[in-house]
Amino acid sequence: MINKILEHIKKDKLWEDERFYLNYEPDLLAVIKWYYFEKLGWCGCGCPGEAMREIAKYLEARSLGYPENDKKLKEYFSDGDNNNLVLCLAYELDRAGFTEHGTSVYSCWLTDDGKYFLWAIKEAEKTDELDI
């Protein structure tokens, strides 16, 4: 799966500008760092692992489709879609290309990047690699 994801990542226009990741072995950590630091553009201070766990919850819920995704969002986040921080996360993940939407960000779906990032986060949790 890692090689499939890396081939997908290399098609991204951001990849051409990045030298940092060329020094990494093609592994799970390189995938995680690419999505977190480059696609999202977030820094590494604070608790990136905790932030990614919240991202995974959101992406997992959105992967279910309606109406299951609404139930899962309410399970993971107080007020579900009515939570303003969830709305901010929705906009940010959509901007970064992890989701796409039609008429409303509330009815978004996962892109390949969203599916791959979710998979990578879940895999990293199994081996404690998520706390970068």
Protein backbone atom coordinates (compact mmCIF):
# COMPACT_ATOMS: atom_id res chain seq x y z
CA MET A 1 0.00 0.00 0.00
CA ILE A 2 2.85 2.42 0.81
CA ASN A 3 4.24 2.19 -2.72
CA LYS A 4 0.78 2.80 -4.20
CA ILE A 5 0.37 5.89 -2.03
CA LEU A 6 3.84 7.17 -2.90
CA GLU A 7 3.14 6.81 -6.60
CA HIS A 8 -0.06 8.78 -6.08
CA ILE A 9 1.76 11.48 -4.06
CA LYS A 10 4.44 11.90 -6.73
CA LYS A 11 1.72 13.06 -9.14
CA ASP A 12 0.94 16.01 -6.86
CA LYS A 13 2.28 19.36 -8.02
CA LEU A 14 3.67 20.02 -4.52
CA TRP A 15 5.99 17.03 -4.90
CA GLU A 16 8.05 18.80 -7.55
CA ASP A 17 8.95 21.56 -5.10
CA GLU A 18 9.89 19.31 -2.20
CA ARG A 19 13.41 18.09 -1.56
CA PHE A 20 12.88 17.01 2.04
CA TYR A 21 10.96 13.84 1.26
CA LEU A 22 13.40 12.60 -1.33
CA ASN A 23 15.71 11.67 1.56
CA TYR A 24 13.12 9.42 3.19
CA GLU A 25 12.73 5.73 2.72
CA PRO A 26 9.35 4.92 1.19
CA ASP A 27 7.67 4.18 4.50
CA LEU A 28 4.62 5.04 6.55
CA LEU A 29 6.29 7.95 8.32
CA ALA A 30 7.17 9.63 5.01
CA VAL A 31 3.54 9.35 3.90
CA ILE A 32 2.26 10.77 7.20
CA LYS A 33 4.70 13.67 7.10
CA TRP A 34 3.92 14.44 3.47
CA TYR A 35 0.20 14.71 4.10
CA TYR A 36 0.48 16.55 7.42
CA PHE A 37 3.28 19.02 6.69
CA GLU A 38 2.93 19.53 2.95
CA LYS A 39 -0.70 18.95 1.97
CA LEU A 40 -2.16 20.49 5.12
CA GLY A 41 0.72 22.90 5.65
CA TRP A 42 0.57 22.48 9.41
CA CYS A 43 3.60 22.77 11.70
CA GLY A 44 4.98 20.11 14.02
CA CYS A 45 4.68 21.94 17.33
CA GLY A 46 2.05 21.04 19.87
CA CYS A 47 0.67 17.55 19.39
CA PRO A 48 0.52 16.58 15.70
CA GLY A 49 -0.42 13.02 16.64
CA GLU A 50 -3.51 14.23 18.49
CA ALA A 51 -4.43 16.52 15.60
CA MET A 52 -4.15 13.58 13.20
CA ARG A 53 -6.34 11.43 15.42
CA GLU A 54 -9.06 14.09 15.15
CA ILE A 55 -8.54 14.27 11.38
CA ALA A 56 -8.92 10.49 11.20
CA LYS A 57 -12.20 10.64 13.13
CA TYR A 58 -13.55 13.24 10.72
CA LEU A 59 -12.37 11.40 7.60
CA GLU A 60 -13.71 8.09 8.92
CA ALA A 61 -17.12 9.62 9.57
CA ARG A 62 -17.22 11.24 6.13
CA SER A 63 -16.25 7.98 4.46
CA LEU A 64 -19.51 6.38 5.62
CA GLY A 65 -21.95 8.45 3.57
CA TYR A 66 -25.29 9.80 4.71
CA PRO A 67 -26.95 9.20 7.19
CA GLU A 68 -24.30 7.09 8.93
CA ASN A 69 -21.74 9.89 8.71
CA ASP A 70 -24.00 12.24 10.70
CA LYS A 71 -24.36 9.66 13.47
CA LYS A 72 -20.60 9.06 13.57
CA LEU A 73 -19.79 12.79 13.60
CA LYS A 74 -22.10 13.25 16.60
CA GLU A 75 -20.41 10.31 18.31
CA TYR A 76 -16.93 11.76 17.72
CA PHE A 77 -17.63 15.49 18.06
CA SER A 78 -20.21 17.25 20.20
CA ASP A 79 -23.00 18.59 18.00
CA GLY A 80 -21.54 16.90 14.88
CA ASP A 81 -21.84 19.25 11.90
CA ASN A 82 -23.19 21.99 14.16
CA ASN A 83 -19.83 22.20 15.93
CA ASN A 84 -18.00 25.25 14.55
CA LEU A 85 -14.58 23.63 14.99
CA VAL A 86 -15.76 20.65 12.95
CA LEU A 87 -16.86 23.11 10.28
CA CYS A 88 -13.39 24.70 10.30
CA LEU A 89 -11.82 21.25 10.00
CA ALA A 90 -14.17 20.45 7.12
CA TYR A 91 -13.09 23.57 5.23
CA GLU A 92 -9.41 22.93 5.91
CA LEU A 93 -9.49 19.29 4.83
CA ASP A 94 -11.45 20.24 1.73
CA ARG A 95 -8.95 23.00 0.89
CA ALA A 96 -6.07 20.53 1.25
CA GLY A 97 -7.76 18.09 -1.10
CA PHE A 98 -8.68 15.33 1.35
CA THR A 99 -12.37 15.80 0.62
CA GLU A 100 -14.48 17.20 -2.20
CA HIS A 101 -18.00 18.51 -2.09
CA GLY A 102 -20.76 19.63 -4.35
CA THR A 103 -23.25 22.15 -3.03
CA SER A 104 -22.22 21.86 0.62
CA VAL A 105 -19.10 20.95 2.57
CA TYR A 106 -21.49 19.06 4.88
CA SER A 107 -22.05 16.46 2.18
CA CYS A 108 -18.44 15.93 1.18
CA TRP A 109 -16.75 12.66 0.22
CA LEU A 110 -13.17 11.47 0.51
CA THR A 111 -10.71 11.89 -2.33
CA ASP A 112 -7.93 9.37 -2.90
CA ASP A 113 -5.68 11.57 -0.74
CA GLY A 114 -8.30 11.50 2.01
CA LYS A 115 -8.57 7.71 1.84
CA TYR A 116 -4.80 7.29 1.85
CA PHE A 117 -4.24 9.72 4.73
CA LEU A 118 -6.93 7.98 6.78
CA TRP A 119 -5.33 4.61 6.08
CA ALA A 120 -1.86 5.92 7.00
CA ILE A 121 -3.07 7.44 10.28
CA LYS A 122 -4.80 4.20 11.29
CA GLU A 123 -1.71 2.16 10.41
CA ALA A 124 0.57 4.52 12.32
CA GLU A 125 -1.64 4.25 15.41
CA LYS A 126 -1.00 0.50 15.47
CA THR A 127 2.75 1.04 15.82
CA ASP A 128 2.90 4.31 17.80
CA GLU A 129 4.43 6.07 14.78
CA LEU A 130 1.73 8.71 14.84
CA ASP A 131 3.40 10.75 17.55
CA ILE A 132 5.90 12.49 15.30
